[in-house]
Every structure is written in C-alpha cells, then in structure tokens.
Amino acid sequence: MLAKVTSCAVIGLDGQLVDVEVDIGSGQVLFLVVGLPDTAVQESRERVRAAIKNSGLNFPLKRVTVNLAPADLRKEGPAYDLPIAVGVLVASEQITADLSNALIIGELSLDGAVRHTSGVLSMALLARERGIKTLFVPSADAPEAALIPDLEVIPIESLFALYAHLQGLQPIPPYRAQVQYDADDVPLYPVDYSEIRGQENVKRALEVAAAGQHNIIMTGPPGAGKTLLARSLPSILPRLSLPEAIEISRIYSVSDLLPDDSPLVRHRPFRSPHHTISFAGLVGGGRWPHPGEVSLAHRGVLFLDELPEFDGRSLEGLRQPIEDKIVTVTRVSGTLTFPANFMLVAALNPCPCGYYQDPVKECTCSPSTIARYQKRISGPLLDRIDIHIAVPRVEYEKLSGNRISESSSTIRARVEKARARQRRRFEKNAMNGATPLQANADMGPAEVRQFCELDEAGKQLMRAAMKQMNLSARAYHRILKLARTIADLAESENIETQHLAEAVQYRARQTE
C-alpha cells in the first residue's frame, strides 16, 4: 500500500514542503530511503524501526521504500523521523486517519519519544502560507510553533501518543499559546551607563549611533573602557517590536539558539565573536549554508573587539552586508539570502602595544609596525563606518569621584523618541505598500536627498569638509544621515549647522 505524509525542510531561513511517500511491497525484506537524503536521514531507518517496535506497534517485514520528494532537494537532519514512521504506519494500515491537511515534523529516539527539532518557526510560517491547518510538532517545540496564528498546533510526546491521537483513542488537545509579549519589558543589564565614569563624549557618540543604527568604531589604549562601553550599548537601544522579535526568533530557531525558557527572542541581540572566528562563522556559509554572526546580530549589535586581529578576508566580507543589509551565499546547489541589518560596533588599540599617542605611557612600537597594524583594516571598510571616536584614558579624579551621570533608561528614552520620529517620517514616505525603513542608517540616496536637505551654511560646511578631509561620495551621504539622526535627537525638523558640524567631527580624516 502507498501512503503519503507531508513534512518540511528548511532551506536557509525558508521552509519548503517535502512529501514523504511510503510504499510497502512484496519481495526481499528491506528498508530504503531515497530522495537525496544526508547521513542523518539515512540513519532514520534504524531509529524509525526501533521506535515503532518499542512503541508496541508492528514494523512490516516487507520491502519498505520511502521517497522524499522533491528528489532534487537535499534533505538533512533528523526532522523526518516522525513523518517517516507515520507513513509506515499508514501504509501498513495501522493508522487510518486523513493526513492530507497536516504537516508532521520531529526526531525520534529509540524508545519512541519525540525530540526537539530546529527551524520549527520557519516550518510553521510555511504551513500557514500553504493553508495547512494542523501542525504536529515535538511538545518541546509547541510554544515556538504557536507563535504563528491560525494554526492548530498538536504537541507530540511520543510516537504512540500520536498513534493514539490519530486513531481517536486518546486525542491530544491543541497547544494554546501562552507567550505574552510586553514591549515595555526591559531586562536587567549588567552595567548601567550611570556607573561608567567619564567618557562623556563617547557616551554621546554611542547615543547618536543607537538613535540612527549607525556603525561606530572606538580607538583607545588598553583599559580605557571600550569593551565596557560597547557591552553596555544594548541598555540604551530601543525595545523590540513584536514583528522584529519574530524575525529574530526565526533566525535563532534555524540556528537552534533559541533560549530554553522562551520561544521568542525578547531583546535585541548582542553578538561578540572572538577574532579567531572563520569567514563562514562570521558572514555565513558552510557546505550547506547557515546564518553567520552578522545574521545572528540582525536588528541588534555585532561587536568586534580587537578589530585588527580578525582575519582580513572575514573583515572584507562585512562590506557587502553593511551596505545591503543582507548576506548572499552562493553555492553550486543554489543561492541563499540571510538578513543582516545589524549595527557594527568595533574597538581597537591604536598600535600593537596600545599606547600610540598616549599622553602618559610611551609607545614601544616602531613607525613601520604601527603602519602595518593600522593597515590591517582596509580603507573601504573604514569608509562604511559612520562614527570614529577616540576613547582616552580616564583620569583618577573621574574614576574616584561620586558624580553620577545619566542612566541608561534616560538615554534610551531619547533614543526611542528619535527612532519614533524616523518611523513616522518613513511611514509617510512608503509607497505602494512597501515596507518602511526603520532607522536613518537604512536610507538610500533617494531618502537622503528628500530628508537631509541643507541650508546654504550647511552646504558651505560640507564643501569645506569634502575638500579638507578628502571624503568619498559614500562618506558624504553617511555624514548627512548622521546629521539627520543628531537633528532627530534634538527634535529638529531641519538639519542645522551645529548638527552637521557634530556629524563631520565624527568622521575619520582620509589622507591622500
């Protein structure tokens, strides 16, 4: 008898339906799985056979052929165990239920228990798009699948429990979503900005960066507080909206990095990879491409500490994601695209010893050593960073003083107010149902021309800056976007000269 069960594969971040066709025929006792399966799928034969027997059900001693269609789509991972087992039971007439409008996913253990599967959120999204009403998932993944409305999510503990449900012996009630998303929920951050002594100019630069989602690079001697300031940045970022949270959770679901206590990523990601990370680990890729750190930092912060120590190829791989907000990975089997709209925060020392141009401690590096060290970061990459800020050493008086500066919550309120102004501006400008931009850093040339107009004094200032600082066309547009953010923080409709002057002084000088 022939049986057909619907399952799902995850290609990149998108789901794709897979038909699990099971045929039981006469001939030599054999269990075959075809349809371009990887090793994990091939091994499902032993898991399925043992799970069916240990669940008190009968595995047919006949020729069992399983076809995973479409045959030209690579199948990987153990998520096909449960649909294959159900297909065998349907083909052997042990299950008689109608599964034409159901999607089944799950890994089986040898005793028949159903284990967690990654990528369930993408699968649930596909099920809703295709009009599938019922989704059978491992009970551990039911809260994640239930984030998608208009789906009947059935949590499965074991193969026998699914058998009893389909045969009407012991129906399983649908899982009801219990996730309550509160946009006002703010986590307890380890460090508040009020506890960081000194560095008021750096805090201001970070506030501007957060308000417009601009990239920033901090340069200073060891121990000046670069890492601490960067790690405190999430405490002043605007809170996630629910659509953003689902967007991030989808990436983390595919990467199997969702938190154990919640199916939803509730706060902006902060990713800080070590400088020994590979190109594929940072940008994304692999034999079967998976999201890299730039995608895991989507809608959040990618912090690269000790920037010159990163591999040059990996750093150059950041140039396209910074511009396009996506990562495109091309392999022989096809091309995949991952979102990568992140805020780059980098920190570095001015030289290998860290004390070049330090007023207190003498630098021990030769000029050629300093030049080689600084040239590890290419000009095109530096040109894509909006804010370049020096982080000087903190004086004793500031470290030992009792003065308390602004708290993170106060700064975050200003940042959220500036972001709200930007969203209103972009929503009015969105045409024909297009998705509006979220922050000033996302603006293209058309939006810059529309929203970043300068008065005559501003034009004269930019003309002088372009000539004296040898700025590129990209730098020109980035200064205008940065000035627009500074004006938004000041609640100004127009870009004034002082806003433009502050934006210009954040720019690194380019020499001939």
Protein backbone atom coordinates (compact mmCIF):
# COMPACT_ATOMS: atom_id res chain seq x y z
CA MET A 1 0.00 0.00 0.00
CA LEU A 2 1.16 3.55 -0.73
CA ALA A 3 0.94 6.31 1.90
CA LYS A 4 1.77 9.99 1.69
CA VAL A 5 2.63 12.28 4.60
CA THR A 6 3.63 15.95 4.40
CA SER A 7 6.77 17.19 6.18
CA CYS A 8 9.05 20.19 5.77
CA ALA A 9 12.66 21.10 5.03
CA VAL A 10 14.37 24.37 5.93
CA ILE A 11 16.48 25.90 3.17
CA GLY A 12 18.30 28.93 4.52
CA LEU A 13 15.57 30.56 6.59
CA ASP A 14 12.65 29.43 4.45
CA GLY A 15 10.61 26.27 4.74
CA GLN A 16 9.85 24.01 1.79
CA LEU A 17 7.26 21.24 1.79
CA VAL A 18 8.53 17.69 1.47
CA ASP A 19 6.25 14.79 0.57
CA VAL A 20 7.15 11.60 2.44
CA GLU A 21 5.90 8.77 0.25
CA VAL A 22 5.98 5.27 1.74
CA ASP A 23 5.38 2.13 -0.29
CA ILE A 24 5.16 -1.37 1.21
CA GLY A 25 5.56 -4.09 -1.36
CA SER A 26 6.47 -7.70 -1.67
CA GLY A 27 9.96 -9.01 -2.13
CA GLN A 28 13.12 -9.03 -0.06
CA VAL A 29 12.78 -7.56 3.46
CA LEU A 30 14.38 -4.16 3.04
CA PHE A 31 14.05 -0.58 4.25
CA LEU A 32 15.15 2.02 1.69
CA VAL A 33 15.16 5.83 1.92
CA VAL A 34 15.62 7.72 -1.35
CA GLY A 35 15.26 11.36 -2.41
CA LEU A 36 18.74 12.83 -1.81
CA PRO A 37 18.95 12.17 1.96
CA ASP A 38 22.03 13.03 4.00
CA THR A 39 23.58 10.70 6.56
CA ALA A 40 21.23 11.75 9.37
CA VAL A 41 18.19 10.98 7.20
CA GLN A 42 19.65 7.63 6.11
CA GLU A 43 20.15 6.71 9.76
CA SER A 44 16.46 7.41 10.39
CA ARG A 45 15.78 3.86 9.15
CA GLU A 46 17.17 2.39 12.36
CA ARG A 47 15.51 4.98 14.60
CA VAL A 48 12.12 4.51 12.93
CA ARG A 49 12.29 0.72 13.05
CA ALA A 50 13.25 0.68 16.75
CA ALA A 51 10.74 3.41 17.69
CA ILE A 52 7.83 1.56 16.04
CA LYS A 53 8.70 -1.73 17.73
CA ASN A 54 9.35 -0.16 21.16
CA SER A 55 6.03 1.70 20.95
CA GLY A 56 4.17 -1.62 20.81
CA LEU A 57 3.36 -1.26 17.10
CA ASN A 58 4.27 -3.54 14.19
CA PHE A 59 7.03 -2.78 11.71
CA PRO A 60 6.19 -4.57 8.43
CA LEU A 61 8.62 -7.32 7.48
CA LYS A 62 8.41 -6.47 3.80
CA ARG A 63 10.13 -4.24 1.29
CA VAL A 64 9.59 -0.67 2.59
CA THR A 65 10.56 2.18 0.25
CA VAL A 66 10.49 5.79 1.44
CA ASN A 67 10.75 8.58 -1.12
CA LEU A 68 11.35 12.17 -0.01
CA ALA A 69 10.08 14.47 -2.75
CA PRO A 70 11.12 16.65 -4.48
CA ALA A 71 14.03 14.33 -5.18
CA ASP A 72 16.43 17.10 -6.21
CA LEU A 73 16.18 18.90 -2.84
CA ARG A 74 18.86 17.95 -0.33
CA LYS A 75 17.28 16.52 2.86
CA GLU A 76 19.29 16.94 6.07
CA GLY A 77 18.71 16.46 9.76
CA PRO A 78 16.55 14.08 11.81
CA ALA A 79 13.25 16.01 11.47
CA TYR A 80 11.92 13.40 9.01
CA ASP A 81 11.89 10.55 11.58
CA LEU A 82 8.33 11.11 12.76
CA PRO A 83 6.71 11.62 9.32
CA ILE A 84 8.51 8.50 8.01
CA ALA A 85 7.26 6.46 10.97
CA VAL A 86 3.70 7.74 10.50
CA GLY A 87 3.94 6.98 6.78
CA VAL A 88 4.98 3.40 7.55
CA LEU A 89 2.05 3.01 9.97
CA VAL A 90 -0.41 4.45 7.43
CA ALA A 91 0.95 2.26 4.62
CA SER A 92 0.66 -0.83 6.84
CA GLU A 93 -2.94 0.22 7.72
CA GLN A 94 -2.22 0.62 11.44
CA ILE A 95 -3.30 4.28 11.14
CA THR A 96 -6.41 5.18 9.12
CA ALA A 97 -6.65 8.93 9.76
CA ASP A 98 -6.77 11.54 6.99
CA LEU A 99 -3.48 13.47 6.99
CA SER A 100 -3.97 15.39 3.75
CA ASN A 101 -4.09 18.76 5.54
CA ALA A 102 -1.46 18.16 8.22
CA LEU A 103 2.29 18.74 8.48
CA ILE A 104 4.40 16.44 10.67
CA ILE A 105 7.95 17.04 11.93
CA GLY A 106 10.03 15.54 14.71
CA GLU A 107 13.06 13.43 15.63
CA LEU A 108 12.52 10.01 17.21
CA SER A 109 14.50 8.33 19.94
CA LEU A 110 14.75 4.54 20.01
CA ASP A 111 12.01 4.25 22.63
CA GLY A 112 9.58 6.29 20.53
CA ALA A 113 9.92 9.63 22.33
CA VAL A 114 9.81 12.71 20.09
CA ARG A 115 12.72 15.09 20.43
CA HIS A 116 13.25 18.79 19.72
CA THR A 117 13.76 19.90 16.11
CA SER A 118 15.36 23.16 14.95
CA GLY A 119 13.70 25.53 12.48
CA VAL A 120 10.13 24.92 13.66
CA LEU A 121 9.21 28.61 13.37
CA SER A 122 10.08 28.68 9.64
CA MET A 123 8.10 25.47 9.15
CA ALA A 124 5.06 26.91 10.92
CA LEU A 125 5.22 30.05 8.76
CA LEU A 126 5.26 27.90 5.62
CA ALA A 127 2.32 25.81 6.87
CA ARG A 128 0.22 28.95 7.32
CA GLU A 129 1.22 30.27 3.90
CA ARG A 130 0.23 26.98 2.23
CA GLY A 131 -3.12 26.80 4.04
CA ILE A 132 -2.20 23.76 6.17
CA LYS A 133 -4.39 23.78 9.25
CA THR A 134 -2.76 21.21 11.57
CA LEU A 135 0.87 21.04 12.64
CA PHE A 136 2.21 18.05 14.59
CA VAL A 137 5.43 19.05 16.37
CA PRO A 138 7.52 17.82 19.31
CA SER A 139 5.99 19.03 22.57
CA ALA A 140 9.20 20.95 23.34
CA ASP A 141 8.67 22.99 20.16
CA ALA A 142 4.94 23.63 20.51
CA PRO A 143 5.36 27.09 22.14
CA GLU A 144 7.56 28.13 19.21
CA ALA A 145 5.09 26.90 16.55
CA ALA A 146 2.18 28.51 18.40
CA LEU A 147 3.70 31.96 17.80
CA ILE A 148 2.16 31.75 14.32
CA PRO A 149 -1.60 32.41 14.42
CA ASP A 150 -4.30 30.44 12.57
CA LEU A 151 -2.58 27.09 13.12
CA GLU A 152 -3.74 24.11 15.18
CA VAL A 153 -0.54 23.01 16.90
CA ILE A 154 -0.60 19.47 18.33
CA PRO A 155 2.27 18.79 20.78
CA ILE A 156 3.60 15.23 20.46
CA GLU A 157 5.39 13.49 23.34
CA SER A 158 5.87 10.11 21.68
CA LEU A 159 5.10 8.09 18.58
CA PHE A 160 2.50 6.05 20.44
CA ALA A 161 0.79 9.23 21.68
CA LEU A 162 0.49 10.41 18.06
CA TYR A 163 -0.84 6.98 17.05
CA ALA A 164 -3.46 7.09 19.80
CA HIS A 165 -4.46 10.63 18.79
CA LEU A 166 -4.85 9.81 15.10
CA GLN A 167 -6.85 6.67 15.88
CA GLY A 168 -9.14 8.60 18.21
CA LEU A 169 -8.08 6.55 21.26
CA GLN A 170 -6.66 9.46 23.25
CA PRO A 171 -6.98 12.83 21.50
CA ILE A 172 -4.32 15.42 22.24
CA PRO A 173 -5.68 18.94 22.84
CA PRO A 174 -4.12 21.68 20.67
CA TYR A 175 -1.44 23.77 22.30
CA ARG A 176 -2.62 27.21 23.32
CA ALA A 177 -0.06 29.97 23.08
CA GLN A 178 0.97 31.24 26.49
CA VAL A 179 3.61 33.70 25.37
CA GLN A 180 2.77 37.25 26.41
CA TYR A 181 4.95 39.78 24.65
CA ASP A 182 5.36 43.04 26.54
CA ALA A 183 7.17 45.73 24.55
CA ASP A 184 7.79 47.60 27.80
CA ASP A 185 9.65 44.67 29.32
CA VAL A 186 13.25 45.79 29.92
CA PRO A 187 15.85 43.27 31.16
CA LEU A 188 18.28 43.92 33.96
CA TYR A 189 21.51 44.83 32.19
CA PRO A 190 24.78 44.03 33.98
CA VAL A 191 26.08 47.60 33.65
CA ASP A 192 24.16 50.87 33.57
CA TYR A 193 25.64 53.91 31.84
CA SER A 194 25.37 55.84 35.10
CA GLU A 195 28.03 53.54 36.56
CA ILE A 196 30.58 54.26 33.82
CA ARG A 197 32.93 57.03 34.93
CA GLY A 198 33.96 59.70 32.47
CA GLN A 199 33.94 59.18 28.69
CA GLU A 200 31.01 61.57 28.23
CA ASN A 201 31.97 62.23 24.61
CA VAL A 202 31.98 58.50 23.85
CA LYS A 203 28.61 58.05 25.52
CA ARG A 204 27.24 60.82 23.35
CA ALA A 205 28.62 59.12 20.22
CA LEU A 206 27.06 55.82 21.26
CA GLU A 207 23.72 57.56 21.87
CA VAL A 208 23.82 59.01 18.35
CA ALA A 209 24.77 55.61 16.95
CA ALA A 210 21.88 53.92 18.78
CA ALA A 211 19.39 56.57 17.70
CA GLY A 212 20.06 56.01 13.99
CA GLN A 213 21.54 52.49 13.99
CA HIS A 214 24.89 53.83 12.79
CA ASN A 215 28.15 51.89 12.78
CA ILE A 216 30.79 53.07 15.23
CA ILE A 217 34.48 52.35 15.85
CA MET A 218 36.25 53.18 19.11
CA THR A 219 40.02 53.62 19.31
CA GLY A 220 41.97 53.94 22.54
CA PRO A 221 44.60 52.49 24.87
CA PRO A 222 44.03 49.29 26.86
CA GLY A 223 41.80 49.70 29.89
CA ALA A 224 40.11 52.91 28.74
CA GLY A 225 36.68 51.27 28.77
CA LYS A 226 36.00 50.46 25.10
CA THR A 227 34.68 46.97 25.76
CA LEU A 228 32.63 48.06 28.76
CA LEU A 229 31.00 50.87 26.79
CA ALA A 230 30.20 48.53 23.90
CA ARG A 231 28.74 45.83 26.13
CA SER A 232 26.55 48.44 27.82
CA LEU A 233 25.16 49.62 24.47
CA PRO A 234 22.13 47.25 24.47
CA SER A 235 20.84 49.06 27.58
CA ILE A 236 20.16 52.21 25.51
CA LEU A 237 18.83 50.55 22.36
CA PRO A 238 15.09 50.85 21.63
CA ARG A 239 12.95 47.90 22.66
CA LEU A 240 11.95 45.31 20.09
CA SER A 241 8.56 45.36 18.42
CA LEU A 242 6.74 42.03 18.09
CA PRO A 243 7.38 41.72 14.30
CA GLU A 244 11.08 42.34 14.91
CA ALA A 245 11.11 39.75 17.72
CA ILE A 246 9.56 37.10 15.45
CA GLU A 247 12.00 38.00 12.66
CA ILE A 248 14.97 37.49 15.00
CA SER A 249 13.47 34.36 16.55
CA ARG A 250 13.20 32.79 13.11
CA ILE A 251 16.97 33.15 12.59
CA TYR A 252 17.71 31.76 16.05
CA SER A 253 15.27 28.88 15.52
CA VAL A 254 17.06 27.76 12.36
CA SER A 255 20.41 28.10 14.17
CA ASP A 256 19.00 26.19 17.17
CA LEU A 257 19.91 29.04 19.51
CA LEU A 258 16.53 29.98 20.96
CA PRO A 259 16.56 30.41 24.76
CA ASP A 260 15.33 27.39 26.70
CA ASP A 261 12.83 29.38 28.73
CA SER A 262 11.16 31.21 25.83
CA PRO A 263 10.30 30.53 22.18
CA LEU A 264 10.73 34.22 21.44
CA VAL A 265 13.84 36.43 21.44
CA ARG A 266 12.62 39.35 23.53
CA HIS A 267 15.62 41.69 23.43
CA ARG A 268 17.98 42.96 20.77
CA PRO A 269 20.84 40.55 20.06
CA PHE A 270 24.37 41.40 21.10
CA ARG A 271 26.90 39.18 19.34
CA SER A 272 30.59 39.36 20.20
CA PRO A 273 32.55 36.70 18.27
CA HIS A 274 36.21 36.03 19.04
CA HIS A 275 38.73 37.20 16.47
CA THR A 276 39.63 33.58 15.61
CA ILE A 277 36.20 33.07 14.01
CA SER A 278 36.15 31.71 10.46
CA PHE A 279 34.77 33.51 7.42
CA ALA A 280 31.72 31.23 7.27
CA GLY A 281 31.15 31.63 11.00
CA LEU A 282 31.15 35.43 10.74
CA VAL A 283 29.40 36.08 7.44
CA GLY A 284 27.51 32.82 6.98
CA GLY A 285 28.02 29.84 4.73
CA GLY A 286 29.34 26.33 5.02
CA ARG A 287 28.75 23.35 2.74
CA TRP A 288 25.04 23.70 3.45
CA PRO A 289 24.83 27.41 4.24
CA HIS A 290 23.71 28.53 7.68
CA PRO A 291 23.44 32.03 9.18
CA GLY A 292 26.64 33.58 10.49
CA GLU A 293 27.21 36.09 13.27
CA VAL A 294 26.14 39.01 11.06
CA SER A 295 22.69 37.41 10.72
CA LEU A 296 22.51 36.41 14.37
CA ALA A 297 23.08 40.12 15.13
CA HIS A 298 20.13 41.13 12.90
CA ARG A 299 18.25 44.09 14.45
CA GLY A 300 20.92 44.21 17.15
CA VAL A 301 24.65 44.76 17.68
CA LEU A 302 27.68 42.99 16.21
CA PHE A 303 30.64 43.85 18.45
CA LEU A 304 34.12 43.13 17.09
CA ASP A 305 36.69 43.65 19.81
CA GLU A 306 40.36 43.92 18.81
CA LEU A 307 39.28 44.55 15.21
CA PRO A 308 42.74 44.32 13.54
CA GLU A 309 43.17 40.79 14.91
CA PHE A 310 40.32 39.46 12.78
CA ASP A 311 41.17 37.69 9.54
CA GLY A 312 41.39 40.15 6.66
CA ARG A 313 39.10 38.09 4.42
CA SER A 314 36.45 37.98 7.14
CA LEU A 315 36.59 41.75 7.65
CA GLU A 316 36.30 42.40 3.92
CA GLY A 317 33.29 40.07 3.89
CA LEU A 318 31.46 42.61 6.09
CA ARG A 319 31.47 45.28 3.38
CA GLN A 320 28.52 43.95 1.40
CA PRO A 321 26.27 43.19 4.44
CA ILE A 322 26.91 46.68 5.87
CA GLU A 323 25.71 48.26 2.61
CA ASP A 324 22.90 45.89 1.57
CA LYS A 325 21.64 44.72 5.00
CA ILE A 326 21.60 41.15 3.68
CA VAL A 327 24.12 38.35 3.12
CA THR A 328 24.01 36.38 -0.12
CA VAL A 329 25.72 32.97 -0.06
CA THR A 330 26.15 31.20 -3.38
CA ARG A 331 26.93 27.52 -3.70
CA VAL A 332 26.71 25.02 -6.57
CA SER A 333 23.34 23.87 -5.21
CA GLY A 334 21.88 27.38 -5.22
CA THR A 335 21.90 30.85 -3.72
CA LEU A 336 20.59 31.70 -0.25
CA THR A 337 19.97 35.09 1.29
CA PHE A 338 20.05 35.84 5.04
CA PRO A 339 19.03 39.13 6.70
CA ALA A 340 21.91 41.12 8.22
CA ASN A 341 20.63 44.53 9.28
CA PHE A 342 22.97 44.96 12.23
CA MET A 343 24.75 47.79 13.98
CA LEU A 344 28.52 47.30 13.80
CA VAL A 345 30.47 48.33 16.88
CA ALA A 346 34.24 47.86 16.71
CA ALA A 347 37.03 48.50 19.19
CA LEU A 348 40.78 48.57 18.66
CA ASN A 349 44.05 49.81 20.05
CA PRO A 350 45.96 52.40 18.01
CA CYS A 351 49.01 50.10 17.78
CA PRO A 352 50.17 46.62 18.91
CA CYS A 353 51.33 47.86 22.32
CA GLY A 354 48.24 50.05 22.60
CA TYR A 355 49.86 53.34 23.61
CA TYR A 356 50.49 55.20 20.37
CA GLN A 357 49.95 58.94 21.00
CA ASP A 358 49.08 58.22 24.65
CA PRO A 359 49.92 61.26 26.84
CA VAL A 360 51.05 59.15 29.82
CA LYS A 361 52.67 55.91 28.67
CA GLU A 362 55.26 55.80 25.91
CA CYS A 363 54.60 53.69 22.81
CA THR A 364 57.22 50.98 22.16
CA CYS A 365 56.19 50.27 18.53
CA SER A 366 58.20 51.38 15.53
CA PRO A 367 56.52 53.55 12.88
CA SER A 368 56.55 50.67 10.39
CA THR A 369 54.92 48.35 12.95
CA ILE A 370 52.20 50.91 13.65
CA ALA A 371 51.58 51.39 9.93
CA ARG A 372 51.29 47.64 9.29
CA TYR A 373 48.95 47.24 12.25
CA GLN A 374 46.62 50.02 11.15
CA LYS A 375 46.60 48.81 7.53
CA ARG A 376 45.03 45.54 8.63
CA ILE A 377 41.72 47.42 8.39
CA SER A 378 41.09 48.49 4.81
CA GLY A 379 40.02 51.96 3.77
CA PRO A 380 36.78 50.73 2.13
CA LEU A 381 35.70 49.10 5.40
CA LEU A 382 36.55 52.20 7.46
CA ASP A 383 34.65 54.32 4.94
CA ARG A 384 31.49 52.35 5.78
CA ILE A 385 31.70 53.22 9.49
CA ASP A 386 29.76 56.37 10.35
CA ILE A 387 31.30 57.31 13.70
CA HIS A 388 35.00 57.23 14.56
CA ILE A 389 35.59 58.16 18.19
CA ALA A 390 38.71 58.25 20.36
CA VAL A 391 38.43 56.71 23.84
CA PRO A 392 41.09 58.37 26.05
CA ARG A 393 42.28 57.01 29.38
CA VAL A 394 40.11 58.07 32.34
CA GLU A 395 41.67 60.40 34.89
CA TYR A 396 41.84 59.46 38.57
CA GLU A 397 39.55 62.28 39.65
CA LYS A 398 36.73 60.96 37.47
CA LEU A 399 37.28 57.36 38.50
CA SER A 400 37.23 58.17 42.21
CA GLY A 401 34.52 60.84 42.06
CA ASN A 402 30.94 60.40 43.27
CA ARG A 403 29.28 62.14 40.34
CA ILE A 404 26.53 60.01 38.80
CA SER A 405 25.92 60.55 35.10
CA GLU A 406 22.74 59.88 33.13
CA SER A 407 21.21 56.43 33.49
CA SER A 408 20.66 54.07 30.57
CA SER A 409 16.89 54.43 30.89
CA THR A 410 17.12 58.22 30.44
CA ILE A 411 19.30 57.87 27.35
CA ARG A 412 17.09 55.08 25.98
CA ALA A 413 14.03 57.34 26.25
CA ARG A 414 15.72 59.90 23.98
CA VAL A 415 16.82 57.19 21.57
CA GLU A 416 13.30 55.75 21.33
CA LYS A 417 11.85 59.21 20.78
CA ALA A 418 14.30 59.80 17.91
CA ARG A 419 13.51 56.40 16.39
CA ALA A 420 9.80 57.17 16.60
CA ARG A 421 10.34 60.38 14.61
CA GLN A 422 12.21 58.39 11.98
CA ARG A 423 9.50 55.73 11.70
CA ARG A 424 6.77 58.35 11.27
CA ARG A 425 8.81 60.05 8.55
CA PHE A 426 9.45 56.81 6.67
CA GLU A 427 5.87 55.54 7.02
CA LYS A 428 4.59 58.69 5.32
CA ASN A 429 7.12 58.15 2.54
CA ALA A 430 6.41 54.43 1.97
CA MET A 431 4.70 53.88 -1.38
CA ASN A 432 2.52 51.08 -2.73
CA GLY A 433 2.59 49.02 0.44
CA ALA A 434 6.39 48.89 0.61
CA THR A 435 7.93 48.12 3.99
CA PRO A 436 9.01 51.43 5.55
CA LEU A 437 12.57 51.93 6.72
CA GLN A 438 13.28 51.61 10.43
CA ALA A 439 16.24 53.92 11.03
CA ASN A 440 18.21 56.69 9.36
CA ALA A 441 21.14 54.39 8.62
CA ASP A 442 18.84 52.44 6.26
CA MET A 443 18.27 55.43 3.98
CA GLY A 444 19.31 55.22 0.36
CA PRO A 445 20.30 58.11 -1.94
CA ALA A 446 16.65 58.97 -2.68
CA GLU A 447 15.76 59.26 1.01
CA VAL A 448 18.93 61.23 1.74
CA ARG A 449 18.02 63.70 -0.97
CA GLN A 450 14.48 64.02 0.40
CA PHE A 451 15.10 64.17 4.15
CA CYS A 452 18.63 65.57 4.50
CA GLU A 453 18.39 68.94 2.83
CA LEU A 454 20.96 71.54 3.90
CA ASP A 455 20.72 75.30 4.08
CA GLU A 456 23.37 77.50 2.49
CA ALA A 457 25.57 77.49 5.60
CA GLY A 458 25.39 73.72 5.77
CA LYS A 459 26.36 73.40 2.11
CA GLN A 460 29.39 75.60 2.65
CA LEU A 461 30.42 73.50 5.66
CA MET A 462 30.10 70.26 3.68
CA ARG A 463 32.02 71.74 0.75
CA ALA A 464 34.90 72.62 3.06
CA ALA A 465 34.77 69.22 4.79
CA MET A 466 34.82 67.33 1.49
CA LYS A 467 37.89 69.27 0.36
CA GLN A 468 39.89 69.27 3.59
CA MET A 469 39.09 65.69 4.68
CA ASN A 470 39.23 64.11 1.23
CA LEU A 471 35.83 62.45 1.72
CA SER A 472 34.28 59.95 -0.66
CA ALA A 473 30.74 60.13 -2.03
CA ARG A 474 29.77 57.36 0.41
CA ALA A 475 31.20 59.36 3.31
CA TYR A 476 29.23 62.41 2.15
CA HIS A 477 25.94 60.51 2.32
CA ARG A 478 26.82 58.91 5.64
CA ILE A 479 27.58 62.31 7.19
CA LEU A 480 24.18 63.58 6.04
CA LYS A 481 22.42 60.54 7.52
CA LEU A 482 24.32 61.01 10.77
CA ALA A 483 23.40 64.70 10.86
CA ARG A 484 19.76 63.74 10.34
CA THR A 485 19.96 61.50 13.40
CA ILE A 486 21.56 64.23 15.51
CA ALA A 487 18.77 66.59 14.43
CA ASP A 488 16.18 63.96 15.40
CA LEU A 489 17.72 63.68 18.87
CA ALA A 490 17.45 67.46 19.13
CA GLU A 491 13.80 67.24 17.94
CA SER A 492 14.61 69.48 15.00
CA GLU A 493 12.78 69.25 11.69
CA ASN A 494 15.75 70.67 9.79
CA ILE A 495 19.46 69.83 9.85
CA GLU A 496 21.12 72.84 11.45
CA THR A 497 24.77 73.80 11.12
CA GLN A 498 25.60 72.53 14.62
CA HIS A 499 24.10 69.13 13.80
CA LEU A 500 26.16 68.88 10.65
CA ALA A 501 29.32 70.04 12.43
CA GLU A 502 28.95 67.29 15.04
CA ALA A 503 28.43 64.69 12.31
CA VAL A 504 31.55 65.88 10.47
CA GLN A 505 33.76 65.69 13.54
CA TYR A 506 32.82 62.02 13.97
CA ARG A 507 34.31 61.26 10.57
CA ALA A 508 37.84 59.86 10.21
CA ARG A 509 40.12 62.08 8.13
CA GLN A 510 41.17 60.49 4.85
CA THR A 511 44.64 61.40 3.67
CA GLU A 512 45.93 61.50 0.11
